[in-house]
Amino acid sequence: MGQRDREEIRSSLLQKGFKEKGNDHDYFFLYINGKKQPIFTFLSRGSNYKSYGNPLLAKMSRQLKLTKQELLDLIDCDLNGEKYIEKLKERGSLSFSGTGKKN
């Protein structure tokens, strides 16, 4: 699956519509049209987690409702924010379009 740098992951998530909230970890929540969605993941701040390998990327892919390859595409910017949201809608992971109305 590969390995990805924590800062590369952070930057990509922020570009795709996620907003960051820090606590003991850096949490990333997906927002669509200003509305928080039930999709989130987090990055550890620890020095042992400057890069994410297969086990952590696999967990993150499940949290973001993606396959492992789709997650890599999201991080590497081969999958943009709009296409990611479309995938979530197709899979039923989002219950509305972000406008407050049911699909």
PDB file of N, CA and C in Angstrom:
ATOM      1  N   MET A   1       0.838  -1.200   0.000  1.00  0.00           N
ATOM      2  CA  MET A   1       0.000   0.000   0.000  1.00  0.00           C
ATOM      3  C   MET A   1       0.866   1.240   0.000  1.00  0.00           C
ATOM      4  N   GLY A   2       1.992   1.168   0.655  1.00  0.00           N
ATOM      5  CA  GLY A   2       2.858   2.332   0.665  1.00  0.00           C
ATOM      6  C   GLY A   2       2.830   3.065   1.977  1.00  0.00           C
ATOM      7  N   GLN A   3       3.564   4.104   2.022  1.00  0.00           N
ATOM      8  CA  GLN A   3       3.695   4.922   3.220  1.00  0.00           C
ATOM      9  C   GLN A   3       3.480   6.370   2.827  1.00  0.00           C
ATOM     10  N   ARG A   4       2.863   7.141   3.707  1.00  0.00           N
ATOM     11  CA  ARG A   4       2.618   8.551   3.427  1.00  0.00           C
ATOM     12  C   ARG A   4       3.007   9.394   4.640  1.00  0.00           C
ATOM     13  N   ASP A   5       3.555  10.548   4.361  1.00  0.00           N
ATOM     14  CA  ASP A   5       3.969  11.492   5.378  1.00  0.00           C
ATOM     15  C   ASP A   5       2.745  12.127   6.038  1.00  0.00           C
ATOM     16  N   ARG A   6       2.800  12.290   7.346  1.00  0.00           N
ATOM     17  CA  ARG A   6       1.681  12.866   8.106  1.00  0.00           C
ATOM     18  C   ARG A   6       1.295  14.243   7.581  1.00  0.00           C
ATOM     19  N   GLU A   7       2.268  15.078   7.265  1.00  0.00           N
ATOM     20  CA  GLU A   7       1.963  16.429   6.777  1.00  0.00           C
ATOM     21  C   GLU A   7       1.324  16.387   5.394  1.00  0.00           C
ATOM     22  N   GLU A   8       1.701  15.430   4.590  1.00  0.00           N
ATOM     23  CA  GLU A   8       1.092  15.250   3.271  1.00  0.00           C
ATOM     24  C   GLU A   8      -0.385  14.859   3.422  1.00  0.00           C
ATOM     25  N   ILE A   9      -0.663  13.986   4.385  1.00  0.00           N
ATOM     26  CA  ILE A   9      -2.044  13.573   4.660  1.00  0.00           C
ATOM     27  C   ILE A   9      -2.849  14.773   5.152  1.00  0.00           C
ATOM     28  N   ARG A  10      -2.300  15.515   6.111  1.00  0.00           N
ATOM     29  CA  ARG A  10      -2.978  16.697   6.673  1.00  0.00           C
ATOM     30  C   ARG A  10      -3.332  17.691   5.567  1.00  0.00           C
ATOM     31  N   SER A  11      -2.371  18.021   4.753  1.00  0.00           N
ATOM     32  CA  SER A  11      -2.576  18.989   3.686  1.00  0.00           C
ATOM     33  C   SER A  11      -3.664  18.532   2.718  1.00  0.00           C
ATOM     34  N   SER A  12      -3.640  17.275   2.355  1.00  0.00           N
ATOM     35  CA  SER A  12      -4.621  16.741   1.417  1.00  0.00           C
ATOM     36  C   SER A  12      -6.031  16.784   2.006  1.00  0.00           C
ATOM     37  N   LEU A  13      -6.176  16.392   3.263  1.00  0.00           N
ATOM     38  CA  LEU A  13      -7.499  16.410   3.896  1.00  0.00           C
ATOM     39  C   LEU A  13      -8.063  17.832   3.938  1.00  0.00           C
ATOM     40  N   LEU A  14      -7.233  18.780   4.272  1.00  0.00           N
ATOM     41  CA  LEU A  14      -7.692  20.166   4.348  1.00  0.00           C
ATOM     42  C   LEU A  14      -8.114  20.689   2.980  1.00  0.00           C
ATOM     43  N   GLN A  15      -7.455  20.240   1.923  1.00  0.00           N
ATOM     44  CA  GLN A  15      -7.811  20.650   0.564  1.00  0.00           C
ATOM     45  C   GLN A  15      -9.114  20.010   0.095  1.00  0.00           C
ATOM     46  N   LYS A  16      -9.511  18.895   0.716  1.00  0.00           N
ATOM     47  CA  LYS A  16     -10.679  18.138   0.258  1.00  0.00           C
ATOM     48  C   LYS A  16     -11.957  18.453   1.032  1.00  0.00           C
ATOM     49  N   GLY A  17     -11.937  19.465   1.885  1.00  0.00           N
ATOM     50  CA  GLY A  17     -13.146  19.872   2.591  1.00  0.00           C
ATOM     51  C   GLY A  17     -13.194  19.483   4.055  1.00  0.00           C
ATOM     52  N   PHE A  18     -12.104  18.955   4.575  1.00  0.00           N
ATOM     53  CA  PHE A  18     -12.059  18.611   5.994  1.00  0.00           C
ATOM     54  C   PHE A  18     -11.605  19.819   6.790  1.00  0.00           C
ATOM     55  N   LYS A  19     -12.082  19.897   8.030  1.00  0.00           N
ATOM     56  CA  LYS A  19     -11.641  20.945   8.943  1.00  0.00           C
ATOM     57  C   LYS A  19     -10.984  20.263  10.127  1.00  0.00           C
ATOM     58  N   GLU A  20      -9.915  20.892  10.612  1.00  0.00           N
ATOM     59  CA  GLU A  20      -9.096  20.302  11.664  1.00  0.00           C
ATOM     60  C   GLU A  20      -9.476  20.846  13.036  1.00  0.00           C
ATOM     61  N   LYS A  21      -9.565  19.935  13.990  1.00  0.00           N
ATOM     62  CA  LYS A  21      -9.763  20.304  15.394  1.00  0.00           C
ATOM     63  C   LYS A  21      -8.734  19.529  16.196  1.00  0.00           C
ATOM     64  N   GLY A  22      -7.936  20.236  16.948  1.00  0.00           N
ATOM     65  CA  GLY A  22      -6.889  19.585  17.717  1.00  0.00           C
ATOM     66  C   GLY A  22      -7.320  19.277  19.128  1.00  0.00           C
ATOM     67  N   ASN A  23      -6.807  18.209  19.638  1.00  0.00           N
ATOM     68  CA  ASN A  23      -7.004  17.784  21.013  1.00  0.00           C
ATOM     69  C   ASN A  23      -5.762  16.971  21.344  1.00  0.00           C
ATOM     70  N   ASP A  24      -5.915  15.770  21.840  1.00  0.00           N
ATOM     71  CA  ASP A  24      -4.758  14.908  22.029  1.00  0.00           C
ATOM     72  C   ASP A  24      -4.270  14.360  20.683  1.00  0.00           C
ATOM     73  N   HIS A  25      -5.163  14.394  19.679  1.00  0.00           N
ATOM     74  CA  HIS A  25      -4.845  14.069  18.299  1.00  0.00           C
ATOM     75  C   HIS A  25      -5.386  15.203  17.430  1.00  0.00           C
ATOM     76  N   ASP A  26      -5.006  15.212  16.176  1.00  0.00           N
ATOM     77  CA  ASP A  26      -5.567  16.183  15.237  1.00  0.00           C
ATOM     78  C   ASP A  26      -6.720  15.510  14.506  1.00  0.00           C
ATOM     79  N   TYR A  27      -7.941  15.918  14.825  1.00  0.00           N
ATOM     80  CA  TYR A  27      -9.137  15.343  14.215  1.00  0.00           C
ATOM     81  C   TYR A  27      -9.514  16.135  12.972  1.00  0.00           C
ATOM     82  N   PHE A  28      -9.986  15.416  11.961  1.00  0.00           N
ATOM     83  CA  PHE A  28     -10.395  16.020  10.698  1.00  0.00           C
ATOM     84  C   PHE A  28     -11.826  15.598  10.405  1.00  0.00           C
ATOM     85  N   PHE A  29     -12.732  16.578  10.359  1.00  0.00           N
ATOM     86  CA  PHE A  29     -14.143  16.340  10.102  1.00  0.00           C
ATOM     87  C   PHE A  29     -14.492  16.875   8.721  1.00  0.00           C
ATOM     88  N   LEU A  30     -15.256  16.100   7.959  1.00  0.00           N
ATOM     89  CA  LEU A  30     -15.682  16.528   6.632  1.00  0.00           C
ATOM     90  C   LEU A  30     -16.846  17.499   6.760  1.00  0.00           C
ATOM     91  N   TYR A  31     -16.750  18.612   6.051  1.00  0.00           N
ATOM     92  CA  TYR A  31     -17.820  19.607   5.989  1.00  0.00           C
ATOM     93  C   TYR A  31     -18.251  19.755   4.543  1.00  0.00           C
ATOM     94  N   ILE A  32     -19.562  19.806   4.335  1.00  0.00           N
ATOM     95  CA  ILE A  32     -20.119  20.072   3.009  1.00  0.00           C
ATOM     96  C   ILE A  32     -21.068  21.238   3.158  1.00  0.00           C
ATOM     97  N   ASN A  33     -20.824  22.282   2.396  1.00  0.00           N
ATOM     98  CA  ASN A  33     -21.635  23.509   2.465  1.00  0.00           C
ATOM     99  C   ASN A  33     -21.772  24.007   3.898  1.00  0.00           C
ATOM    100  N   GLY A  34     -20.671  23.952   4.637  1.00  0.00           N
ATOM    101  CA  GLY A  34     -20.651  24.453   6.005  1.00  0.00           C
ATOM    102  C   GLY A  34     -21.264  23.528   7.039  1.00  0.00           C
ATOM    103  N   LYS A  35     -21.715  22.347   6.625  1.00  0.00           N
ATOM    104  CA  LYS A  35     -22.347  21.415   7.567  1.00  0.00           C
ATOM    105  C   LYS A  35     -21.424  20.235   7.842  1.00  0.00           C
ATOM    106  N   LYS A  36     -21.236  19.962   9.123  1.00  0.00           N
ATOM    107  CA  LYS A  36     -20.384  18.861   9.547  1.00  0.00           C
ATOM    108  C   LYS A  36     -21.046  17.532   9.197  1.00  0.00           C
ATOM    109  N   GLN A  37     -20.268  16.646   8.598  1.00  0.00           N
ATOM    110  CA  GLN A  37     -20.750  15.331   8.190  1.00  0.00           C
ATOM    111  C   GLN A  37     -20.259  14.265   9.171  1.00  0.00           C
ATOM    112  N   PRO A  38     -20.844  13.063   9.135  1.00  0.00           N
ATOM    113  CA  PRO A  38     -20.413  12.003  10.054  1.00  0.00           C
ATOM    114  C   PRO A  38     -19.163  11.262   9.574  1.00  0.00           C
ATOM    115  N   ILE A  39     -18.329  11.915   8.824  1.00  0.00           N
ATOM    116  CA  ILE A  39     -17.103  11.325   8.302  1.00  0.00           C
ATOM    117  C   ILE A  39     -15.921  12.047   8.942  1.00  0.00           C
ATOM    118  N   PHE A  40     -15.051  11.287   9.601  1.00  0.00           N
ATOM    119  CA  PHE A  40     -13.888  11.913  10.233  1.00  0.00           C
ATOM    120  C   PHE A  40     -12.757  10.904  10.373  1.00  0.00           C
ATOM    121  N   THR A  41     -11.580  11.433  10.583  1.00  0.00           N
ATOM    122  CA  THR A  41     -10.403  10.630  10.894  1.00  0.00           C
ATOM    123  C   THR A  41      -9.510  11.469  11.786  1.00  0.00           C
ATOM    124  N   PHE A  42      -8.400  10.912  12.193  1.00  0.00           N
ATOM    125  CA  PHE A  42      -7.478  11.694  13.016  1.00  0.00           C
ATOM    126  C   PHE A  42      -6.041  11.301  12.710  1.00  0.00           C
ATOM    127  N   LEU A  43      -5.142  12.208  13.038  1.00  0.00           N
ATOM    128  CA  LEU A  43      -3.711  11.974  12.927  1.00  0.00           C
ATOM    129  C   LEU A  43      -3.109  12.146  14.312  1.00  0.00           C
ATOM    130  N   SER A  44      -2.192  11.271  14.640  1.00  0.00           N
ATOM    131  CA  SER A  44      -1.506  11.369  15.917  1.00  0.00           C
ATOM    132  C   SER A  44      -0.439  12.440  15.842  1.00  0.00           C
ATOM    133  N   ARG A  45      -0.200  13.102  16.954  1.00  0.00           N
ATOM    134  CA  ARG A  45       0.834  14.134  17.012  1.00  0.00           C
ATOM    135  C   ARG A  45       2.191  13.581  17.442  1.00  0.00           C
ATOM    136  N   GLY A  46       2.233  12.332  17.851  1.00  0.00           N
ATOM    137  CA  GLY A  46       3.459  11.740  18.384  1.00  0.00           C
ATOM    138  C   GLY A  46       4.586  11.661  17.378  1.00  0.00           C
ATOM    139  N   SER A  47       5.818  11.727  17.881  1.00  0.00           N
ATOM    140  CA  SER A  47       6.987  11.698  16.999  1.00  0.00           C
ATOM    141  C   SER A  47       7.144  10.355  16.300  1.00  0.00           C
ATOM    142  N   ASN A  48       6.507   9.309  16.795  1.00  0.00           N
ATOM    143  CA  ASN A  48       6.559   7.999  16.139  1.00  0.00           C
ATOM    144  C   ASN A  48       5.631   7.921  14.937  1.00  0.00           C
ATOM    145  N   TYR A  49       4.837   8.966  14.704  1.00  0.00           N
ATOM    146  CA  TYR A  49       3.838   8.936  13.644  1.00  0.00           C
ATOM    147  C   TYR A  49       4.068  10.023  12.597  1.00  0.00           C
ATOM    148  N   LYS A  50       5.321  10.287  12.258  1.00  0.00           N
ATOM    149  CA  LYS A  50       5.616  11.285  11.223  1.00  0.00           C
ATOM    150  C   LYS A  50       5.263  10.758   9.843  1.00  0.00           C
ATOM    151  N   SER A  51       5.232   9.431   9.720  1.00  0.00           N
ATOM    152  CA  SER A  51       4.759   8.819   8.483  1.00  0.00           C
ATOM    153  C   SER A  51       3.819   7.683   8.858  1.00  0.00           C
ATOM    154  N   TYR A  52       2.860   7.435   7.975  1.00  0.00           N
ATOM    155  CA  TYR A  52       1.848   6.409   8.210  1.00  0.00           C
ATOM    156  C   TYR A  52       2.080   5.253   7.255  1.00  0.00           C
ATOM    157  N   GLY A  53       2.210   4.064   7.812  1.00  0.00           N
ATOM    158  CA  GLY A  53       2.381   2.853   7.023  1.00  0.00           C
ATOM    159  C   GLY A  53       1.059   2.127   6.828  1.00  0.00           C
ATOM    160  N   ASN A  54       1.138   0.910   6.315  1.00  0.00           N
ATOM    161  CA  ASN A  54      -0.051   0.140   5.956  1.00  0.00           C
ATOM    162  C   ASN A  54      -1.096  -0.003   7.060  1.00  0.00           C
ATOM    163  N   PRO A  55      -0.738  -0.362   8.295  1.00  0.00           N
ATOM    164  CA  PRO A  55      -1.788  -0.543   9.316  1.00  0.00           C
ATOM    165  C   PRO A  55      -2.585   0.734   9.602  1.00  0.00           C
ATOM    166  N   LEU A  56      -1.894   1.858   9.732  1.00  0.00           N
ATOM    167  CA  LEU A  56      -2.600   3.115  10.027  1.00  0.00           C
ATOM    168  C   LEU A  56      -3.373   3.620   8.810  1.00  0.00           C
ATOM    169  N   LEU A  57      -2.823   3.450   7.621  1.00  0.00           N
ATOM    170  CA  LEU A  57      -3.544   3.862   6.418  1.00  0.00           C
ATOM    171  C   LEU A  57      -4.789   3.000   6.211  1.00  0.00           C
ATOM    172  N   ALA A  58      -4.714   1.730   6.572  1.00  0.00           N
ATOM    173  CA  ALA A  58      -5.885   0.853   6.464  1.00  0.00           C
ATOM    174  C   ALA A  58      -6.989   1.319   7.413  1.00  0.00           C
ATOM    175  N   LYS A  59      -6.623   1.683   8.639  1.00  0.00           N
ATOM    176  CA  LYS A  59      -7.620   2.200   9.593  1.00  0.00           C
ATOM    177  C   LYS A  59      -8.235   3.502   9.082  1.00  0.00           C
ATOM    178  N   MET A  60      -7.385   4.366   8.555  1.00  0.00           N
ATOM    179  CA  MET A  60      -7.864   5.643   8.049  1.00  0.00           C
ATOM    180  C   MET A  60      -8.804   5.433   6.860  1.00  0.00           C
ATOM    181  N   SER A  61      -8.491   4.484   5.993  1.00  0.00           N
ATOM    182  CA  SER A  61      -9.354   4.234   4.834  1.00  0.00           C
ATOM    183  C   SER A  61     -10.744   3.784   5.290  1.00  0.00           C
ATOM    184  N   ARG A  62     -10.812   2.960   6.331  1.00  0.00           N
ATOM    185  CA  ARG A  62     -12.130   2.542   6.856  1.00  0.00           C
ATOM    186  C   ARG A  62     -12.883   3.730   7.452  1.00  0.00           C
ATOM    187  N   GLN A  63     -12.181   4.595   8.181  1.00  0.00           N
ATOM    188  CA  GLN A  63     -12.823   5.762   8.782  1.00  0.00           C
ATOM    189  C   GLN A  63     -13.383   6.692   7.721  1.00  0.00           C
ATOM    190  N   LEU A  64     -12.684   6.812   6.597  1.00  0.00           N
ATOM    191  CA  LEU A  64     -13.104   7.725   5.533  1.00  0.00           C
ATOM    192  C   LEU A  64     -13.981   7.047   4.491  1.00  0.00           C
ATOM    193  N   LYS A  65     -14.336   5.774   4.755  1.00  0.00           N
ATOM    194  CA  LYS A  65     -15.243   5.015   3.876  1.00  0.00           C
ATOM    195  C   LYS A  65     -14.674   4.843   2.474  1.00  0.00           C
ATOM    196  N   LEU A  66     -13.378   4.544   2.407  1.00  0.00           N
ATOM    197  CA  LEU A  66     -12.690   4.362   1.135  1.00  0.00           C
ATOM    198  C   LEU A  66     -11.952   3.030   1.124  1.00  0.00           C
ATOM    199  N   THR A  67     -11.631   2.551  -0.069  1.00  0.00           N
ATOM    200  CA  THR A  67     -10.706   1.433  -0.169  1.00  0.00           C
ATOM    201  C   THR A  67      -9.307   1.984   0.100  1.00  0.00           C
ATOM    202  N   LYS A  68      -8.366   1.092   0.311  1.00  0.00           N
ATOM    203  CA  LYS A  68      -6.995   1.546   0.556  1.00  0.00           C
ATOM    204  C   LYS A  68      -6.451   2.333  -0.636  1.00  0.00           C
ATOM    205  N   GLN A  69      -6.717   1.840  -1.838  1.00  0.00           N
ATOM    206  CA  GLN A  69      -6.228   2.541  -3.027  1.00  0.00           C
ATOM    207  C   GLN A  69      -6.902   3.903  -3.180  1.00  0.00           C
ATOM    208  N   GLU A  70      -8.186   3.990  -2.883  1.00  0.00           N
ATOM    209  CA  GLU A  70      -8.889   5.271  -2.969  1.00  0.00           C
ATOM    210  C   GLU A  70      -8.309   6.275  -1.974  1.00  0.00           C
ATOM    211  N   LEU A  71      -7.933   5.793  -0.785  1.00  0.00           N
ATOM    212  CA  LEU A  71      -7.316   6.687   0.198  1.00  0.00           C
ATOM    213  C   LEU A  71      -5.998   7.233  -0.341  1.00  0.00           C
ATOM    214  N   LEU A  72      -5.191   6.368  -0.920  1.00  0.00           N
ATOM    215  CA  LEU A  72      -3.927   6.840  -1.504  1.00  0.00           C
ATOM    216  C   LEU A  72      -4.190   7.845  -2.607  1.00  0.00           C
ATOM    217  N   ASP A  73      -5.214   7.587  -3.414  1.00  0.00           N
ATOM    218  CA  ASP A  73      -5.582   8.537  -4.466  1.00  0.00           C
ATOM    219  C   ASP A  73      -6.030   9.869  -3.869  1.00  0.00           C
ATOM    220  N   LEU A  74      -6.755   9.817  -2.754  1.00  0.00           N
ATOM    221  CA  LEU A  74      -7.189  11.039  -2.078  1.00  0.00           C
ATOM    222  C   LEU A  74      -5.979  11.825  -1.571  1.00  0.00           C
ATOM    223  N   ILE A  75      -5.049  11.138  -0.948  1.00  0.00           N
ATOM    224  CA  ILE A  75      -3.847  11.791  -0.410  1.00  0.00           C
ATOM    225  C   ILE A  75      -2.988  12.349  -1.535  1.00  0.00           C
ATOM    226  N   ASP A  76      -2.847  11.572  -2.609  1.00  0.00           N
ATOM    227  CA  ASP A  76      -1.976  11.973  -3.726  1.00  0.00           C
ATOM    228  C   ASP A  76      -2.664  12.921  -4.704  1.00  0.00           C
ATOM    229  N   CYS A  77      -3.892  13.308  -4.393  1.00  0.00           N
ATOM    230  CA  CYS A  77      -4.678  14.264  -5.182  1.00  0.00           C
ATOM    231  C   CYS A  77      -5.143  13.717  -6.528  1.00  0.00           C
ATOM    232  N   ASP A  78      -5.153  12.389  -6.693  1.00  0.00           N
ATOM    233  CA  ASP A  78      -5.750  11.782  -7.887  1.00  0.00           C
ATOM    234  C   ASP A  78      -7.269  11.718  -7.733  1.00  0.00           C
ATOM    235  N   LEU A  79      -7.742  11.782  -6.492  1.00  0.00           N
ATOM    236  CA  LEU A  79      -9.171  11.816  -6.179  1.00  0.00           C
ATOM    237  C   LEU A  79      -9.440  13.162  -5.528  1.00  0.00           C
ATOM    238  N   ASN A  80     -10.216  14.014  -6.215  1.00  0.00           N
ATOM    239  CA  ASN A  80     -10.477  15.344  -5.651  1.00  0.00           C
ATOM    240  C   ASN A  80     -11.654  15.301  -4.680  1.00  0.00           C
ATOM    241  N   GLY A  81     -11.888  16.407  -4.017  1.00  0.00           N
ATOM    242  CA  GLY A  81     -12.939  16.483  -3.010  1.00  0.00           C
ATOM    243  C   GLY A  81     -14.320  16.201  -3.548  1.00  0.00           C
ATOM    244  N   GLU A  82     -14.638  16.706  -4.730  1.00  0.00           N
ATOM    245  CA  GLU A  82     -15.968  16.489  -5.320  1.00  0.00           C
ATOM    246  C   GLU A  82     -16.205  15.016  -5.626  1.00  0.00           C
ATOM    247  N   LYS A  83     -15.200  14.354  -6.202  1.00  0.00           N
ATOM    248  CA  LYS A  83     -15.351  12.932  -6.521  1.00  0.00           C
ATOM    249  C   LYS A  83     -15.424  12.091  -5.261  1.00  0.00           C
ATOM    250  N   TYR A  84     -14.702  12.506  -4.228  1.00  0.00           N
ATOM    251  CA  TYR A  84     -14.777  11.807  -2.944  1.00  0.00           C
ATOM    252  C   TYR A  84     -16.193  11.884  -2.384  1.00  0.00           C
ATOM    253  N   ILE A  85     -16.784  13.063  -2.401  1.00  0.00           N
ATOM    254  CA  ILE A  85     -18.152  13.230  -1.900  1.00  0.00           C
ATOM    255  C   ILE A  85     -19.136  12.413  -2.737  1.00  0.00           C
ATOM    256  N   GLU A  86     -18.938  12.379  -4.044  1.00  0.00           N
ATOM    257  CA  GLU A  86     -19.798  11.559  -4.913  1.00  0.00           C
ATOM    258  C   GLU A  86     -19.717  10.087  -4.517  1.00  0.00           C
ATOM    259  N   LYS A  87     -18.508   9.596  -4.232  1.00  0.00           N
ATOM    260  CA  LYS A  87     -18.334   8.203  -3.816  1.00  0.00           C
ATOM    261  C   LYS A  87     -19.081   7.937  -2.510  1.00  0.00           C
ATOM    262  N   LEU A  88     -18.978   8.865  -1.575  1.00  0.00           N
ATOM    263  CA  LEU A  88     -19.668   8.695  -0.293  1.00  0.00           C
ATOM    264  C   LEU A  88     -21.183   8.634  -0.488  1.00  0.00           C
ATOM    265  N   LYS A  89     -21.706   9.477  -1.363  1.00  0.00           N
ATOM    266  CA  LYS A  89     -23.146   9.480  -1.635  1.00  0.00           C
ATOM    267  C   LYS A  89     -23.573   8.177  -2.299  1.00  0.00           C
ATOM    268  N   GLU A  90     -22.794   7.723  -3.281  1.00  0.00           N
ATOM    269  CA  GLU A  90     -23.116   6.479  -3.987  1.00  0.00           C
ATOM    270  C   GLU A  90     -23.150   5.292  -3.033  1.00  0.00           C
ATOM    271  N   ARG A  91     -22.296   5.298  -2.045  1.00  0.00           N
ATOM    272  CA  ARG A  91     -22.193   4.186  -1.089  1.00  0.00           C
ATOM    273  C   ARG A  91     -23.153   4.334   0.085  1.00  0.00           C
ATOM    274  N   GLY A  92     -23.880   5.438   0.125  1.00  0.00           N
ATOM    275  CA  GLY A  92     -24.824   5.652   1.213  1.00  0.00           C
ATOM    276  C   GLY A  92     -24.183   6.107   2.512  1.00  0.00           C
ATOM    277  N   SER A  93     -22.960   6.596   2.435  1.00  0.00           N
ATOM    278  CA  SER A  93     -22.260   7.056   3.635  1.00  0.00           C
ATOM    279  C   SER A  93     -22.666   8.466   4.040  1.00  0.00           C
ATOM    280  N   LEU A  94     -23.319   9.180   3.135  1.00  0.00           N
ATOM    281  CA  LEU A  94     -23.871  10.500   3.434  1.00  0.00           C
ATOM    282  C   LEU A  94     -25.369  10.427   3.235  1.00  0.00           C
ATOM    283  N   SER A  95     -26.125  10.929   4.188  1.00  0.00           N
ATOM    284  CA  SER A  95     -27.578  10.808   4.094  1.00  0.00           C
ATOM    285  C   SER A  95     -28.239  11.981   3.390  1.00  0.00           C
ATOM    286  N   PHE A  96     -27.457  13.028   3.084  1.00  0.00           N
ATOM    287  CA  PHE A  96     -28.033  14.163   2.373  1.00  0.00           C
ATOM    288  C   PHE A  96     -26.955  14.844   1.559  1.00  0.00           C
ATOM    289  N   SER A  97     -27.371  15.744   0.711  1.00  0.00           N
ATOM    290  CA  SER A  97     -26.465  16.373  -0.246  1.00  0.00           C
ATOM    291  C   SER A  97     -25.617  17.484   0.361  1.00  0.00           C
ATOM    292  N   GLY A  98     -25.832  17.799   1.622  1.00  0.00           N
ATOM    293  CA  GLY A  98     -25.099  18.904   2.242  1.00  0.00           C
ATOM    294  C   GLY A  98     -25.935  20.168   2.277  1.00  0.00           C
ATOM    295  N   THR A  99     -27.145  20.124   1.704  1.00  0.00           N
ATOM    296  CA  THR A  99     -28.000  21.302   1.689  1.00  0.00           C
ATOM    297  C   THR A  99     -29.054  21.240   2.791  1.00  0.00           C
ATOM    298  N   GLY A 100     -29.040  20.132   3.548  1.00  0.00           N
ATOM    299  CA  GLY A 100     -30.056  19.961   4.574  1.00  0.00           C
ATOM    300  C   GLY A 100     -31.248  19.173   4.091  1.00  0.00           C
ATOM    301  N   LYS A 101     -31.291  18.824   2.813  1.00  0.00           N
ATOM    302  CA  LYS A 101     -32.403  18.070   2.245  1.00  0.00           C
ATOM    303  C   LYS A 101     -31.971  16.623   2.036  1.00  0.00           C
ATOM    304  N   LYS A 102     -32.899  15.721   2.234  1.00  0.00           N
ATOM    305  CA  LYS A 102     -32.625  14.309   1.984  1.00  0.00           C
ATOM    306  C   LYS A 102     -32.500  14.081   0.490  1.00  0.00           C
ATOM    307  N   ASN A 103     -31.660  13.126   0.106  1.00  0.00           N
ATOM    308  CA  ASN A 103     -31.519  12.754  -1.314  1.00  0.00           C
ATOM    309  C   ASN A 103     -32.763  12.098  -1.833  1.00  0.00           C
TER     310      ASN A 103
END
